[in-house]
Amino acid sequence: MRILYLECSMGAAGDMLAGALSELVDRDEFLTKMNSLGLENTEITAETAEKCGIQGTQIRVLINGEEEGSGHTHSHSHPSDIREILSGLNIPDNVRKDAEAVYRLIAEAEAHVHGKEVEEIHFHEVGNKDAIADITAVCILMDMIKPDKVAVSPVATGSGQVHCAHGILPVPAPATAYLLQGIPSYAGSETEELCTPTGAALLKYFGDSFETMPVMRTEKIGYGMGKKDFASANCVRAFLGETAENNSVVELVCNLDDMTPEEIGFAQEILMEEGALDVYTTSVYMKKNRPGWVFTCMCRAKDKERMLELMFRHTTTLGIRENVSRRHALRRSISEVESSYGNVRIKKSSGFHTETEKLEYEDLAAIARKTGLSIRELRRRITLETDNNKE
């Protein structure tokens, strides 16, 4: 599985995320896309910057040759204004939808904080061209990288107070705090705003999980530098690589003592049809010496939530235990052989200095029903035919 891991130990801002991700792709291709957006009088550059002796990339958005904030008046934009600007940009529809969705998250956060409807919200700093460019840049970069999963570290927010269009607010700013609900975060050591509303919205939208760095084989690392200098390197790090999660299986287990065999059998069938790797029961004696079953579902990590939903729906359990195991599997392939009884599939497995092959049961069962021969006899005859044909 191709995984992108974002390390946010110094928070996150749109330009920092864009800078880190830009180091994972073809830089010239990215800048060409950004400078072909159609944002009037706007130029996007990627410059080398150094923080605490570490080099990385700093994304700069120049309006008429200057960065916004250096003498420019902040504009006030409504969500409808942002949608109109995004609709006019030269970007694919999926990237536009991503950018609109990020702005929607920001608008919902601002609306909640100020007690207004979403369409009444005035964007201040996040409505400027540099913010639009930063958000669009991250959406374009995510489209270029196309990770299977995005994992995000716990997010440092900073502390203290911040000056904004509404006055002096606590850090994290109320909109940022709202966006970070449900996401692991902490103040960190700096009395500054480390995580901006734009950064929080991008992490919330693209993040699939929020955790410490998973086990992964890293292929590329990108450093996105912030504008301020602190005792610690002010950067977001992006790690791109492969994780062995596809070799992991999740074991979901519950105890049952009040279901009929028919109901348990039906639950097993449903789970297998929906992609479980295996479902089985174990006979046990439970409390008060009641006979019962341990119901076990083995599934891929990506299917866990679906399997949990189905187990709760089709069994009477009130709780499910989860165990994660590393699976060591043989390589498998399926081929077909001709026999006097018709074509039969053969399952072949190899690896760990082992090779095995087995005739497909369903094919043998279908022939057995037609011929009246036993599966055991059919297996013997077809194997003999196959061996003779090889000679």
Foldseek 3Di string as FASTA:
>chain_A
DKEKEKEALLAFDLQQLLFFLCQVDDVVVLQVLLVQFPDPQKHWDWDWDDAPRDIATGIAIARVHHGPPPPDAWDKDFLVRLLVSLVSTPDDPVLSVLLSQLVQLLLVLQCVVVVHDSRVDIDTPCPDPVNSSSSSSSSVSCVVQVGPAYEYEAHAFAWAWDQDPVGIATTVRSSLVVLCVVAHYYHHDHNDGRHHNSGSSVCSSRHPYYHPDDDFDFDDKHWRADDDHDPDGNTMIMTIGGDLLQQKKKKKKDKDQPDDPVLLVVLQVVLVVVAWPHWDWDWDQDPPRGIIIIIITIHRPVCVVVNVVSCVVSGVTPDIDMDMDGHDAWDWDKDWDQDPLGIWIKIWTDDPNDIDIDTDPVVLVVSCVVPVDDSVVVRVVRVVVVVVVVD
